[in-house]
Every structure is written in structure tokens, then in C-alpha cells.
Protein backbone atom coordinates (compact mmCIF):
# COMPACT_ATOMS: atom_id res chain seq x y z
CA MET A 1 28.03 47.26 7.34
CA ILE A 2 27.17 49.71 10.00
CA ALA A 3 29.51 52.38 11.29
CA PRO A 4 28.26 54.35 14.20
CA SER A 5 29.53 57.88 14.56
CA ILE A 6 31.07 58.99 17.78
CA LEU A 7 30.10 62.70 17.17
CA SER A 8 26.93 61.74 18.75
CA ALA A 9 28.43 59.86 21.72
CA ASN A 10 28.42 61.04 25.21
CA PHE A 11 31.83 62.56 25.53
CA ALA A 12 31.66 62.85 29.43
CA ASN A 13 31.90 58.91 29.25
CA LEU A 14 33.30 58.21 25.96
CA GLN A 15 35.05 55.15 26.93
CA GLN A 16 31.52 53.52 28.00
CA ASP A 17 30.08 54.32 24.35
CA ILE A 18 33.17 52.77 22.61
CA GLU A 19 32.94 49.76 24.75
CA MET A 20 29.27 49.34 23.93
CA LEU A 21 30.24 49.49 20.20
CA ASN A 22 33.06 46.96 20.87
CA GLN A 23 30.14 44.66 22.31
CA SER A 24 27.80 45.41 19.53
CA GLN A 25 27.31 44.22 15.79
CA ALA A 26 28.90 47.36 14.49
CA ASP A 27 31.38 46.81 11.86
CA TRP A 28 33.65 50.03 12.10
CA ILE A 29 33.54 53.22 14.29
CA HIS A 30 33.24 56.21 12.52
CA VAL A 31 35.25 59.29 13.53
CA ASP A 32 34.45 62.75 12.11
CA VAL A 33 37.33 65.08 12.05
CA MET A 34 36.29 68.72 11.63
CA ASP A 35 38.55 71.83 11.51
CA GLY A 36 36.42 74.78 11.52
CA VAL A 37 37.66 75.70 7.99
CA PHE A 38 36.29 73.26 5.70
CA VAL A 39 33.11 72.81 7.70
CA PRO A 40 31.76 75.54 10.14
CA ASN A 41 32.25 73.32 13.01
CA ILE A 42 35.38 71.86 14.93
CA SER A 43 35.14 68.19 16.33
CA PHE A 44 38.35 66.61 17.70
CA GLY A 45 41.75 65.78 16.73
CA PHE A 46 44.77 63.33 17.65
CA PRO A 47 44.48 63.10 21.44
CA VAL A 48 40.60 61.94 21.09
CA LEU A 49 41.55 59.80 18.36
CA LYS A 50 44.30 58.32 20.32
CA ALA A 51 42.14 57.51 23.33
CA VAL A 52 39.54 56.00 21.08
CA ASN A 53 41.96 53.76 19.35
CA ALA A 54 43.31 52.43 22.82
CA ILE A 55 39.77 51.17 23.62
CA ALA A 56 38.32 50.29 20.23
CA THR A 57 38.32 46.66 18.87
CA LYS A 58 36.64 47.77 15.78
CA PRO A 59 38.46 49.49 12.86
CA LEU A 60 38.42 53.09 13.01
CA ASP A 61 36.65 54.82 9.88
CA VAL A 62 38.09 58.12 9.75
CA HIS A 63 36.25 60.99 8.02
CA LEU A 64 38.37 64.19 7.36
CA MET A 65 36.24 67.22 6.94
CA ILE A 66 39.49 69.46 6.69
CA VAL A 67 41.43 71.35 4.44
CA GLU A 68 44.84 70.02 3.40
CA PRO A 69 44.40 66.62 4.73
CA ASP A 70 47.87 65.42 3.04
CA LYS A 71 49.50 67.13 6.04
CA TYR A 72 48.04 64.81 8.51
CA LEU A 73 47.62 61.35 6.73
CA GLN A 74 50.46 59.72 8.38
CA GLN A 75 49.45 61.12 11.90
CA PHE A 76 45.81 59.54 11.42
CA ALA A 77 47.42 56.27 10.38
CA ASP A 78 49.66 56.41 13.30
CA TYR A 79 46.85 56.92 15.64
CA GLY A 80 44.91 53.96 14.25
CA ALA A 81 42.85 54.85 11.37
CA ALA A 82 41.93 51.69 9.07
CA ILE A 83 40.11 53.70 6.73
CA ILE A 84 40.84 57.36 5.61
CA THR A 85 38.35 59.35 3.70
CA VAL A 86 39.01 62.73 2.34
CA HIS A 87 36.62 65.37 0.70
CA TYR A 88 36.85 65.51 -3.09
CA GLU A 89 35.99 69.40 -2.50
CA ALA A 90 39.20 69.70 -0.27
CA CYS A 91 41.82 68.09 -2.56
CA PRO A 92 43.22 69.59 -5.62
CA HIS A 93 45.46 66.65 -6.09
CA LEU A 94 43.22 63.74 -5.28
CA HIS A 95 44.85 60.96 -7.22
CA SER A 96 48.09 61.71 -5.36
CA THR A 97 46.35 61.94 -1.99
CA ILE A 98 44.46 58.45 -2.42
CA GLN A 99 47.89 56.94 -3.48
CA LYS A 100 49.47 58.23 -0.14
CA ILE A 101 46.65 56.98 1.78
CA LYS A 102 47.14 53.42 0.33
CA ALA A 103 50.99 53.76 0.86
CA LEU A 104 50.22 53.99 4.73
CA GLY A 105 48.44 50.64 4.60
CA CYS A 106 44.78 52.27 4.92
CA LYS A 107 41.76 51.83 2.80
CA ALA A 108 41.30 55.03 0.94
CA GLY A 109 37.96 57.00 0.52
CA ILE A 110 36.68 60.01 -1.08
CA ALA A 111 33.54 61.91 0.44
CA LEU A 112 31.11 63.87 -1.80
CA ASN A 113 29.10 66.62 -0.53
CA PRO A 114 25.40 66.90 -1.57
CA HIS A 115 25.92 69.42 -4.43
CA THR A 116 29.09 67.12 -5.79
CA PRO A 117 28.02 64.76 -8.74
CA VAL A 118 29.12 61.35 -8.52
CA THR A 119 30.50 61.42 -12.23
CA LEU A 120 33.36 63.49 -11.24
CA LEU A 121 34.72 60.40 -9.92
CA ASP A 122 34.87 58.74 -13.29
CA ASP A 123 38.69 59.00 -13.58
CA LEU A 124 39.47 57.62 -10.12
CA LEU A 125 36.82 55.03 -9.71
CA GLU A 126 39.28 51.90 -9.78
CA ASP A 127 41.63 53.36 -7.50
CA LEU A 128 39.06 53.81 -4.79
CA ASP A 129 38.04 51.58 -1.94
CA MET A 130 35.28 53.51 -0.90
CA VAL A 131 33.02 56.59 -1.63
CA LEU A 132 31.01 58.43 1.09
CA ILE A 133 27.91 60.15 -0.22
CA MET A 134 27.11 62.93 2.04
CA SER A 135 23.30 62.89 2.79
CA VAL A 136 23.40 66.11 4.53
CA ASN A 137 25.75 69.16 4.51
CA PRO A 138 28.83 68.17 6.28
CA GLY A 139 29.45 69.96 9.74
CA PHE A 140 26.83 69.03 12.22
CA GLY A 141 25.00 65.93 13.43
CA GLY A 142 21.10 65.65 13.47
CA GLN A 143 20.30 67.00 10.10
CA VAL A 144 17.53 66.10 7.78
CA PHE A 145 18.49 63.35 5.16
CA ILE A 146 18.53 64.74 1.62
CA PRO A 147 16.31 62.47 -0.78
CA ASN A 148 18.59 63.19 -3.81
CA THR A 149 21.22 60.86 -2.23
CA TYR A 150 19.18 57.50 -3.57
CA LYS A 151 19.75 58.84 -7.14
CA LYS A 152 23.46 59.31 -6.31
CA ILE A 153 23.87 55.89 -4.77
CA GLN A 154 22.08 54.28 -7.97
CA GLN A 155 24.34 56.09 -10.39
CA LEU A 156 27.59 55.35 -8.47
CA LYS A 157 26.53 51.73 -8.21
CA GLU A 158 26.08 51.50 -11.98
CA MET A 159 29.41 53.37 -12.58
CA ALA A 160 31.16 50.69 -10.31
CA LYS A 161 29.44 47.69 -11.62
CA ASP A 162 32.12 46.41 -14.16
CA ARG A 163 35.03 48.59 -13.06
CA ASN A 164 35.22 48.32 -9.27
CA PRO A 165 32.47 45.76 -8.14
CA ASN A 166 33.89 45.73 -4.75
CA LEU A 167 33.49 49.29 -4.26
CA LEU A 168 32.09 50.22 -0.70
CA ILE A 169 29.40 53.01 -0.89
CA GLU A 170 29.14 54.44 2.47
CA ILE A 171 26.06 57.01 3.49
CA ASP A 172 26.55 59.70 6.10
CA GLY A 173 23.99 62.01 7.38
CA GLY A 174 20.55 61.68 8.66
CA VAL A 175 20.45 57.72 8.43
CA ASN A 176 17.69 56.49 10.75
CA ALA A 177 15.20 53.68 11.12
CA GLN A 178 13.11 55.03 8.51
CA ASN A 179 15.72 55.09 5.60
CA THR A 180 18.07 52.12 6.53
CA GLN A 181 16.36 49.53 4.36
CA ALA A 182 15.80 51.85 1.43
CA LEU A 183 19.39 52.86 1.33
CA PHE A 184 20.53 49.20 1.34
CA ALA A 185 18.32 48.45 -1.40
CA ALA A 186 19.53 51.37 -3.39
CA GLY A 187 22.99 49.86 -3.51
CA ALA A 188 24.61 51.43 -0.12
CA ASN A 189 26.63 49.10 1.93
CA VAL A 190 28.06 50.98 4.84
CA LEU A 191 25.50 53.37 6.87
CA VAL A 192 26.88 56.02 9.28
CA ALA A 193 24.58 56.49 12.10
CA GLY A 194 25.00 59.18 15.01
CA ASN A 195 21.82 60.11 16.67
CA ALA A 196 20.08 57.40 15.34
CA VAL A 197 22.25 55.13 17.37
CA PHE A 198 23.41 57.06 20.47
CA ASN A 199 19.99 58.53 21.17
CA ASN A 200 18.24 55.22 20.93
CA GLU A 201 17.16 53.86 24.48
CA ASN A 202 18.94 50.42 23.30
CA PRO A 203 21.85 51.36 21.03
CA GLU A 204 22.81 47.72 20.71
CA LYS A 205 19.73 46.41 19.68
CA PHE A 206 19.37 49.17 17.13
CA ILE A 207 22.63 48.59 15.62
CA SER A 208 21.75 45.02 15.39
CA TRP A 209 18.28 45.82 13.82
CA MET A 210 20.25 48.26 11.11
CA LYS A 211 22.86 45.30 10.50
CA ASN A 212 20.31 42.75 9.69
CA SER A 213 17.76 44.91 7.92
CA ASN A 214 19.29 44.13 4.57
CA ALA A 215 18.86 40.33 5.15
């Protein structure tokens, strides 16, 4: 699956970019929420999410790069999040947080920073719908992909093989035409792409290529 990140969209004409994604072969619309505390950047909050949800016809894949996400889970669900992903590093009571997300009717994901090993998810693996492996340090778009990501994908795929075979493995950061096929081959099944999509001269065609590159 392909989940273009609107962090790289044209905010002077966001509706046009959302409508382009609606018409494309994208599966989800990835929404990066940053608070300037957990990561050194601020992106957008509920008013933008509400506006996107009013236009989008694809599920909203909401990635919370924020501290204390539990305080806001209900609001994110109310404003249209279909998938809510929180960071392992930001949640001291992670099992409880995952259960709260599921109780809201959303798919629950955990994101891991580049330095966080996938083995730390061992006790939670059966409870998860998705694991998001950060392939750059979170906070800014346009960063260079970290190659160690491939090893983490393979490790997680092996961990989940018998215990949660339907686990979604999402990759976020530096995804482009050069690594799309290798990421799918390693075991990823959801790719987030921002600059690679929105800076392309034909975003819809590029999304289609990504979508079908694993055929």
C-alpha cells in the first residue's frame, strides 16, 4: 500500500493536492502531526485534519509525533483518523494506549525511531495492527534514508510471521524511486512518501508506479 504524506503537499492549495490523492491509486493519506516537543518541528493540528477529512475519500493514516498522545486520541478519532500511530518513545503505558486507540474504532500502530530496536515490541506484537519503522529521524521531510531500516524490516517480519502474520509494516522517511522495490522485497507492505510524490512532475503516475512496483 502507498500512503502519500501531506507534510510535503502545497499548503497554499491543499484541497487540490487532496483531490489529486483521491483520484490516484494511493491507499491512505498520511498525516504527520508534530508538536515541537517530541520532535523539533511543528506541523499542524485539528483544524487542518478536519479540513482534510472533509475532502479526503481515502483513509487518514495519522502519525502522532507528540508527547502525551493519550490526551488527544478521542479528538483524532473524531476528526477522521482511521489509523492512529503513536511513538514507542513517547508512551510510558504503551499497552494501555494501544487499547484506547482500538476502543475508538481505529487501527492501532506503533512507530519506532531509527535507534529503537524492533525487539522491544515483543510483548505487544499480537495487539498491533501496524508498526511504523522510521527510516529517518522524525521531525522534517526530505531527509536521507537510513539503510539499517532493511534489517529492521526483516527482523520484524520474522518476529510477526507466526504471531501476527497480518501485521502491517509501514516505512516512513526518504522513500523514493530508488528504494521502493527493495523495501517491498524486504517485507514492508505500506510505504509513506512525501517529497517523492509531491515533487514529482506527475504525482499520480508516480503513485501508480510505486503501487505496482511490487507486482
